[in-house]
PDB file of all heavy atoms in Angstrom:
ATOM      1  N   GLY A   1    -144.445 -54.073  10.007  1.00  0.00           N
ATOM      2  CA  GLY A   1    -143.711 -55.192   9.733  1.00  0.00           C
ATOM      3  C   GLY A   1    -142.620 -54.959   8.783  1.00  0.00           C
ATOM      4  O   GLY A   1    -142.834 -54.106   7.850  1.00  0.00           O
ATOM      5  N   ARG A   2    -141.475 -55.663   8.963  1.00  0.00           N
ATOM      6  CA  ARG A   2    -140.414 -55.432   7.954  1.00  0.00           C
ATOM      7  C   ARG A   2    -140.968 -55.791   6.544  1.00  0.00           C
ATOM      8  O   ARG A   2    -140.818 -55.240   5.478  1.00  0.00           O
ATOM      9  CB  ARG A   2    -139.202 -56.345   8.195  1.00  0.00           C
ATOM     10  CG  ARG A   2    -138.311 -55.808   9.383  1.00  0.00           C
ATOM     11  CD  ARG A   2    -137.064 -56.516   9.334  1.00  0.00           C
ATOM     12  NE  ARG A   2    -137.207 -57.989   9.627  1.00  0.00           N
ATOM     13  CZ  ARG A   2    -136.270 -58.924   9.440  1.00  0.00           C
ATOM     14  NH1 ARG A   2    -135.124 -58.593   8.904  1.00  0.00           N
ATOM     15  NH2 ARG A   2    -136.521 -60.146   9.715  1.00  0.00           N
ATOM     16  N   ARG A   3    -141.805 -56.939   6.678  1.00  0.00           N
ATOM     17  CA  ARG A   3    -142.635 -57.403   5.505  1.00  0.00           C
ATOM     18  C   ARG A   3    -143.995 -57.788   6.046  1.00  0.00           C
ATOM     19  O   ARG A   3    -144.025 -58.308   7.144  1.00  0.00           O
ATOM     20  CB  ARG A   3    -141.955 -58.587   4.700  1.00  0.00           C
ATOM     21  CG  ARG A   3    -140.599 -58.164   3.995  1.00  0.00           C
ATOM     22  CD  ARG A   3    -140.787 -57.161   3.015  1.00  0.00           C
ATOM     23  NE  ARG A   3    -139.527 -56.807   2.323  1.00  0.00           N
ATOM     24  CZ  ARG A   3    -138.697 -55.800   2.772  1.00  0.00           C
ATOM     25  NH1 ARG A   3    -139.010 -55.137   3.797  1.00  0.00           N
ATOM     26  NH2 ARG A   3    -137.572 -55.578   2.125  1.00  0.00           N
ATOM     27  N   VAL A   4    -144.955 -57.679   5.234  1.00  0.00           N
ATOM     28  CA  VAL A   4    -146.329 -58.063   5.627  1.00  0.00           C
ATOM     29  C   VAL A   4    -146.802 -59.053   4.585  1.00  0.00           C
ATOM     30  O   VAL A   4    -146.848 -58.777   3.472  1.00  0.00           O
ATOM     31  CB  VAL A   4    -147.266 -56.858   5.696  1.00  0.00           C
ATOM     32  CG1 VAL A   4    -148.685 -57.224   6.054  1.00  0.00           C
ATOM     33  CG2 VAL A   4    -146.837 -55.762   6.743  1.00  0.00           C
ATOM     34  N   LEU A   5    -147.308 -60.175   5.127  1.00  0.00           N
ATOM     35  CA  LEU A   5    -147.922 -61.133   4.284  1.00  0.00           C
ATOM     36  C   LEU A   5    -149.465 -61.144   4.460  1.00  0.00           C
ATOM     37  O   LEU A   5    -149.934 -61.373   5.542  1.00  0.00           O
ATOM     38  CB  LEU A   5    -147.418 -62.544   4.659  1.00  0.00           C
ATOM     39  CG  LEU A   5    -148.066 -63.700   3.779  1.00  0.00           C
ATOM     40  CD1 LEU A   5    -147.817 -63.521   2.302  1.00  0.00           C
ATOM     41  CD2 LEU A   5    -147.414 -65.091   4.139  1.00  0.00           C
ATOM     42  N   LEU A   6    -150.206 -60.863   3.421  1.00  0.00           N
ATOM     43  CA  LEU A   6    -151.683 -60.718   3.502  1.00  0.00           C
ATOM     44  C   LEU A   6    -152.266 -62.081   3.092  1.00  0.00           C
ATOM     45  O   LEU A   6    -152.127 -62.602   2.056  1.00  0.00           O
ATOM     46  CB  LEU A   6    -152.137 -59.579   2.527  1.00  0.00           C
ATOM     47  CG  LEU A   6    -151.618 -58.293   2.762  1.00  0.00           C
ATOM     48  CD1 LEU A   6    -152.007 -57.323   1.625  1.00  0.00           C
ATOM     49  CD2 LEU A   6    -152.044 -57.727   4.118  1.00  0.00           C
ATOM     50  N   CYS A   7    -152.982 -62.646   4.095  1.00  0.00           N
ATOM     51  CA  CYS A   7    -153.680 -64.043   3.890  1.00  0.00           C
ATOM     52  C   CYS A   7    -155.173 -63.810   4.361  1.00  0.00           C
ATOM     53  O   CYS A   7    -155.585 -64.523   5.311  1.00  0.00           O
ATOM     54  CB  CYS A   7    -153.001 -65.072   4.671  1.00  0.00           C
ATOM     55  SG  CYS A   7    -151.240 -65.253   4.199  1.00  0.00           S
ATOM     56  N   LEU A   8    -155.845 -62.922   3.800  1.00  0.00           N
ATOM     57  CA  LEU A   8    -157.187 -62.543   4.220  1.00  0.00           C
ATOM     58  C   LEU A   8    -158.314 -63.440   3.743  1.00  0.00           C
ATOM     59  O   LEU A   8    -159.406 -63.432   4.259  1.00  0.00           O
ATOM     60  CB  LEU A   8    -157.520 -61.089   3.761  1.00  0.00           C
ATOM     61  CG  LEU A   8    -156.611 -60.003   4.352  1.00  0.00           C
ATOM     62  CD1 LEU A   8    -156.723 -58.705   3.562  1.00  0.00           C
ATOM     63  CD2 LEU A   8    -156.924 -59.806   5.830  1.00  0.00           C
ATOM     64  N   GLY A   9    -157.942 -64.284   2.803  1.00  0.00           N
ATOM     65  CA  GLY A   9    -158.951 -65.354   2.344  1.00  0.00           C
ATOM     66  C   GLY A   9    -159.987 -64.747   1.507  1.00  0.00           C
ATOM     67  O   GLY A   9    -159.829 -63.706   0.872  1.00  0.00           O
ATOM     68  N   ALA A  10    -161.161 -65.564   1.297  1.00  0.00           N
ATOM     69  CA  ALA A  10    -162.223 -65.195   0.456  1.00  0.00           C
ATOM     70  C   ALA A  10    -163.521 -65.383   1.181  1.00  0.00           C
ATOM     71  O   ALA A  10    -163.566 -66.101   2.133  1.00  0.00           O
ATOM     72  CB  ALA A  10    -162.166 -65.995  -0.871  1.00  0.00           C
ATOM     73  N   ARG A  11    -164.612 -64.901   0.539  1.00  0.00           N
ATOM     74  CA  ARG A  11    -165.964 -65.083   1.104  1.00  0.00           C
ATOM     75  C   ARG A  11    -166.940 -65.406  -0.042  1.00  0.00           C
ATOM     76  O   ARG A  11    -166.655 -65.055  -1.178  1.00  0.00           O
ATOM     77  CB  ARG A  11    -166.412 -63.920   1.916  1.00  0.00           C
ATOM     78  CG  ARG A  11    -166.422 -62.659   1.029  1.00  0.00           C
ATOM     79  CD  ARG A  11    -166.935 -61.444   1.947  1.00  0.00           C
ATOM     80  NE  ARG A  11    -166.731 -60.251   1.138  1.00  0.00           N
ATOM     81  CZ  ARG A  11    -167.520 -59.757   0.218  1.00  0.00           C
ATOM     82  NH1 ARG A  11    -168.621 -60.443  -0.102  1.00  0.00           N
ATOM     83  NH2 ARG A  11    -167.242 -58.577  -0.374  1.00  0.00           N
ATOM     84  N   GLU A  12    -168.014 -66.092   0.268  1.00  0.00           N
ATOM     85  CA  GLU A  12    -169.098 -66.327  -0.752  1.00  0.00           C
ATOM     86  C   GLU A  12    -169.913 -65.000  -0.938  1.00  0.00           C
ATOM     87  O   GLU A  12    -170.192 -64.270   0.006  1.00  0.00           O
ATOM     88  CB  GLU A  12    -170.002 -67.451  -0.267  1.00  0.00           C
ATOM     89  CG  GLU A  12    -169.273 -68.770  -0.374  1.00  0.00           C
ATOM     90  CD  GLU A  12    -170.125 -69.791   0.316  1.00  0.00           C
ATOM     91  OE1 GLU A  12    -170.337 -69.785   1.585  1.00  0.00           O
ATOM     92  OE2 GLU A  12    -170.592 -70.762  -0.387  1.00  0.00           O
ATOM     93  N   MET A  13    -170.323 -64.861  -2.212  1.00  0.00           N
ATOM     94  CA  MET A  13    -171.171 -63.707  -2.507  1.00  0.00           C
ATOM     95  C   MET A  13    -172.515 -63.781  -1.874  1.00  0.00           C
ATOM     96  O   MET A  13    -173.092 -64.793  -1.851  1.00  0.00           O
ATOM     97  CB  MET A  13    -171.328 -63.590  -4.021  1.00  0.00           C
ATOM     98  CG  MET A  13    -170.104 -63.155  -4.808  1.00  0.00           C
ATOM     99  SD  MET A  13    -170.479 -62.627  -6.492  1.00  0.00           S
ATOM    100  CE  MET A  13    -171.208 -64.155  -7.119  1.00  0.00           C
ATOM    101  N   PRO A  14    -173.025 -62.663  -1.331  1.00  0.00           N
ATOM    102  CA  PRO A  14    -174.336 -62.729  -0.721  1.00  0.00           C
ATOM    103  C   PRO A  14    -175.431 -62.602  -1.795  1.00  0.00           C
ATOM    104  O   PRO A  14    -175.214 -62.480  -3.003  1.00  0.00           O
ATOM    105  CB  PRO A  14    -174.346 -61.315   0.135  1.00  0.00           C
ATOM    106  CG  PRO A  14    -173.422 -60.401  -0.734  1.00  0.00           C
ATOM    107  CD  PRO A  14    -172.340 -61.360  -1.207  1.00  0.00           C
ATOM    108  N   ARG A  15    -176.635 -62.685  -1.369  1.00  0.00           N
ATOM    109  CA  ARG A  15    -177.842 -62.679  -2.242  1.00  0.00           C
ATOM    110  C   ARG A  15    -177.807 -61.391  -3.143  1.00  0.00           C
ATOM    111  O   ARG A  15    -178.084 -61.478  -4.354  1.00  0.00           O
ATOM    112  CB  ARG A  15    -179.109 -62.767  -1.492  1.00  0.00           C
ATOM    113  CG  ARG A  15    -180.305 -62.553  -2.318  1.00  0.00           C
ATOM    114  CD  ARG A  15    -181.622 -62.637  -1.518  1.00  0.00           C
ATOM    115  NE  ARG A  15    -182.754 -62.267  -2.413  1.00  0.00           N
ATOM    116  CZ  ARG A  15    -183.997 -62.488  -1.952  1.00  0.00           C
ATOM    117  NH1 ARG A  15    -184.264 -62.942  -0.759  1.00  0.00           N
ATOM    118  NH2 ARG A  15    -185.016 -62.073  -2.801  1.00  0.00           N
ATOM    119  N   SER A  16    -177.523 -60.244  -2.515  1.00  0.00           N
ATOM    120  CA  SER A  16    -177.568 -59.034  -3.199  1.00  0.00           C
ATOM    121  C   SER A  16    -176.704 -58.911  -4.452  1.00  0.00           C
ATOM    122  O   SER A  16    -177.015 -58.421  -5.448  1.00  0.00           O
ATOM    123  CB  SER A  16    -177.236 -57.861  -2.230  1.00  0.00           C
ATOM    124  OG  SER A  16    -175.858 -58.077  -1.762  1.00  0.00           O
ATOM    125  N   ALA A  17    -175.510 -59.670  -4.373  1.00  0.00           N
ATOM    126  CA  ALA A  17    -174.533 -59.732  -5.457  1.00  0.00           C
ATOM    127  C   ALA A  17    -174.959 -60.640  -6.558  1.00  0.00           C
ATOM    128  O   ALA A  17    -174.480 -60.574  -7.653  1.00  0.00           O
ATOM    129  CB  ALA A  17    -173.161 -59.973  -4.952  1.00  0.00           C
ATOM    130  N   ARG A  18    -175.915 -61.484  -6.215  1.00  0.00           N
ATOM    131  CA  ARG A  18    -176.323 -62.557  -7.175  1.00  0.00           C
ATOM    132  C   ARG A  18    -177.587 -62.121  -7.892  1.00  0.00           C
ATOM    133  O   ARG A  18    -178.111 -62.872  -8.854  1.00  0.00           O
ATOM    134  CB  ARG A  18    -176.549 -63.884  -6.448  1.00  0.00           C
ATOM    135  CG  ARG A  18    -175.395 -64.543  -5.799  1.00  0.00           C
ATOM    136  CD  ARG A  18    -175.801 -65.686  -4.964  1.00  0.00           C
ATOM    137  NE  ARG A  18    -174.668 -66.139  -4.097  1.00  0.00           N
ATOM    138  CZ  ARG A  18    -173.931 -67.198  -4.344  1.00  0.00           C
ATOM    139  NH1 ARG A  18    -174.174 -67.975  -5.349  1.00  0.00           N
ATOM    140  NH2 ARG A  18    -172.996 -67.576  -3.521  1.00  0.00           N
ATOM    141  N   LEU A  19    -178.142 -60.941  -7.565  1.00  0.00           N
ATOM    142  CA  LEU A  19    -179.340 -60.463  -8.326  1.00  0.00           C
ATOM    143  C   LEU A  19    -180.586 -61.317  -8.288  1.00  0.00           C
ATOM    144  O   LEU A  19    -181.110 -61.610  -9.276  1.00  0.00           O
ATOM    145  CB  LEU A  19    -178.931 -60.046  -9.705  1.00  0.00           C
ATOM    146  CG  LEU A  19    -177.705 -59.075  -9.878  1.00  0.00           C
ATOM    147  CD1 LEU A  19    -177.388 -58.759 -11.229  1.00  0.00           C
ATOM    148  CD2 LEU A  19    -178.009 -57.715  -9.076  1.00  0.00           C
ATOM    149  N   ILE A  20    -180.837 -61.939  -7.114  1.00  0.00           N
ATOM    150  CA  ILE A  20    -181.985 -62.838  -7.091  1.00  0.00           C
ATOM    151  C   ILE A  20    -183.201 -62.023  -6.569  1.00  0.00           C
ATOM    152  O   ILE A  20    -183.104 -61.285  -5.583  1.00  0.00           O
ATOM    153  CB  ILE A  20    -181.693 -63.914  -6.023  1.00  0.00           C
ATOM    154  CG1 ILE A  20    -180.475 -64.794  -6.458  1.00  0.00           C
ATOM    155  CG2 ILE A  20    -182.939 -64.882  -5.775  1.00  0.00           C
ATOM    156  CD1 ILE A  20    -179.912 -65.746  -5.386  1.00  0.00           C
ATOM    157  N   GLY A  21    -184.342 -62.171  -7.290  1.00  0.00           N
ATOM    158  CA  GLY A  21    -185.508 -61.409  -6.955  1.00  0.00           C
ATOM    159  C   GLY A  21    -186.352 -61.971  -5.837  1.00  0.00           C
ATOM    160  O   GLY A  21    -185.916 -63.045  -5.294  1.00  0.00           O
ATOM    161  N   GLY A  22    -187.512 -61.366  -5.686  1.00  0.00           N
ATOM    162  CA  GLY A  22    -188.460 -61.884  -4.617  1.00  0.00           C
ATOM    163  C   GLY A  22    -188.369 -61.147  -3.327  1.00  0.00           C
ATOM    164  O   GLY A  22    -187.806 -60.102  -3.201  1.00  0.00           O
ATOM    165  N   SER A  23    -189.077 -61.690  -2.323  1.00  0.00           N
ATOM    166  CA  SER A  23    -189.139 -61.085  -1.059  1.00  0.00           C
ATOM    167  C   SER A  23    -187.834 -61.378  -0.246  1.00  0.00           C
ATOM    168  O   SER A  23    -186.987 -62.019  -0.657  1.00  0.00           O
ATOM    169  CB  SER A  23    -190.390 -61.617  -0.237  1.00  0.00           C
ATOM    170  OG  SER A  23    -190.301 -63.012  -0.202  1.00  0.00           O
ATOM    171  N   ARG A  24    -187.791 -60.860   1.043  1.00  0.00           N
ATOM    172  CA  ARG A  24    -186.568 -60.889   1.862  1.00  0.00           C
ATOM    173  C   ARG A  24    -186.870 -61.664   3.185  1.00  0.00           C
ATOM    174  O   ARG A  24    -186.627 -61.078   4.238  1.00  0.00           O
ATOM    175  CB  ARG A  24    -186.004 -59.454   2.117  1.00  0.00           C
ATOM    176  CG  ARG A  24    -185.775 -58.662   0.861  1.00  0.00           C
ATOM    177  CD  ARG A  24    -184.460 -59.018   0.247  1.00  0.00           C
ATOM    178  NE  ARG A  24    -184.256 -58.432  -1.052  1.00  0.00           N
ATOM    179  CZ  ARG A  24    -183.260 -58.517  -1.758  1.00  0.00           C
ATOM    180  NH1 ARG A  24    -182.254 -59.363  -1.368  1.00  0.00           N
ATOM    181  NH2 ARG A  24    -183.051 -58.040  -3.060  1.00  0.00           N
ATOM    182  N   PRO A  25    -187.255 -62.841   3.128  1.00  0.00           N
ATOM    183  CA  PRO A  25    -187.521 -63.656   4.375  1.00  0.00           C
ATOM    184  C   PRO A  25    -186.225 -64.072   5.026  1.00  0.00           C
ATOM    185  O   PRO A  25    -185.187 -64.087   4.404  1.00  0.00           O
ATOM    186  CB  PRO A  25    -188.483 -64.727   3.849  1.00  0.00           C
ATOM    187  CG  PRO A  25    -187.976 -65.006   2.547  1.00  0.00           C
ATOM    188  CD  PRO A  25    -187.525 -63.747   1.891  1.00  0.00           C
ATOM    189  N   ARG A  26    -186.369 -64.515   6.224  1.00  0.00           N
ATOM    190  CA  ARG A  26    -185.261 -65.247   6.906  1.00  0.00           C
ATOM    191  C   ARG A  26    -185.067 -66.618   6.293  1.00  0.00           C
ATOM    192  O   ARG A  26    -185.959 -67.246   5.769  1.00  0.00           O
ATOM    193  CB  ARG A  26    -185.603 -65.413   8.350  1.00  0.00           C
ATOM    194  CG  ARG A  26    -185.484 -64.116   9.212  1.00  0.00           C
ATOM    195  CD  ARG A  26    -185.750 -64.351  10.623  1.00  0.00           C
ATOM    196  NE  ARG A  26    -187.041 -64.912  10.918  1.00  0.00           N
ATOM    197  CZ  ARG A  26    -187.299 -66.104  11.351  1.00  0.00           C
ATOM    198  NH1 ARG A  26    -186.299 -66.976  11.503  1.00  0.00           N
ATOM    199  NH2 ARG A  26    -188.544 -66.602  11.602  1.00  0.00           N
ATOM    200  N   GLY A  27    -183.842 -67.098   6.399  1.00  0.00           N
ATOM    201  CA  GLY A  27    -183.527 -68.423   5.952  1.00  0.00           C
ATOM    202  C   GLY A  27    -182.694 -68.480   4.677  1.00  0.00           C
ATOM    203  O   GLY A  27    -182.426 -69.552   4.154  1.00  0.00           O
ATOM    204  N   VAL A  28    -182.144 -67.362   4.150  1.00  0.00           N
ATOM    205  CA  VAL A  28    -181.232 -67.289   3.050  1.00  0.00           C
ATOM    206  C   VAL A  28    -179.816 -67.041   3.599  1.00  0.00           C
ATOM    207  O   VAL A  28    -179.586 -66.005   4.055  1.00  0.00           O
ATOM    208  CB  VAL A  28    -181.672 -66.146   2.048  1.00  0.00           C
ATOM    209  CG1 VAL A  28    -180.804 -66.151   0.829  1.00  0.00           C
ATOM    210  CG2 VAL A  28    -183.127 -66.317   1.675  1.00  0.00           C
ATOM    211  N   ILE A  29    -178.959 -68.104   3.451  1.00  0.00           N
ATOM    212  CA  ILE A  29    -177.649 -67.961   3.984  1.00  0.00           C
ATOM    213  C   ILE A  29    -176.719 -68.639   3.048  1.00  0.00           C
ATOM    214  O   ILE A  29    -177.023 -69.277   2.046  1.00  0.00           O
ATOM    215  CB  ILE A  29    -177.560 -68.660   5.365  1.00  0.00           C
ATOM    216  CG1 ILE A  29    -177.827 -70.126   5.251  1.00  0.00           C
ATOM    217  CG2 ILE A  29    -178.564 -68.039   6.385  1.00  0.00           C
ATOM    218  CD1 ILE A  29    -177.680 -71.012   6.559  1.00  0.00           C
ATOM    219  N   ASN A  30    -175.395 -68.443   3.356  1.00  0.00           N
ATOM    220  CA  ASN A  30    -174.362 -69.160   2.521  1.00  0.00           C
ATOM    221  C   ASN A  30    -173.733 -70.298   3.314  1.00  0.00           C
ATOM    222  O   ASN A  30    -174.088 -70.563   4.494  1.00  0.00           O
ATOM    223  CB  ASN A  30    -173.302 -68.070   2.135  1.00  0.00           C
ATOM    224  CG  ASN A  30    -172.579 -67.451   3.227  1.00  0.00           C
ATOM    225  OD1 ASN A  30    -172.444 -67.968   4.324  1.00  0.00           O
ATOM    226  ND2 ASN A  30    -172.168 -66.164   3.039  1.00  0.00           N
TER     227      ASN A  30
END
């Protein structure tokens, strides 16, 4: 592109980035 505009947005942090302990069952989502 002659110029490029980046609009990639953002995302919510996953469990791993929040340092939450315990087991790893299904049902943990953002």
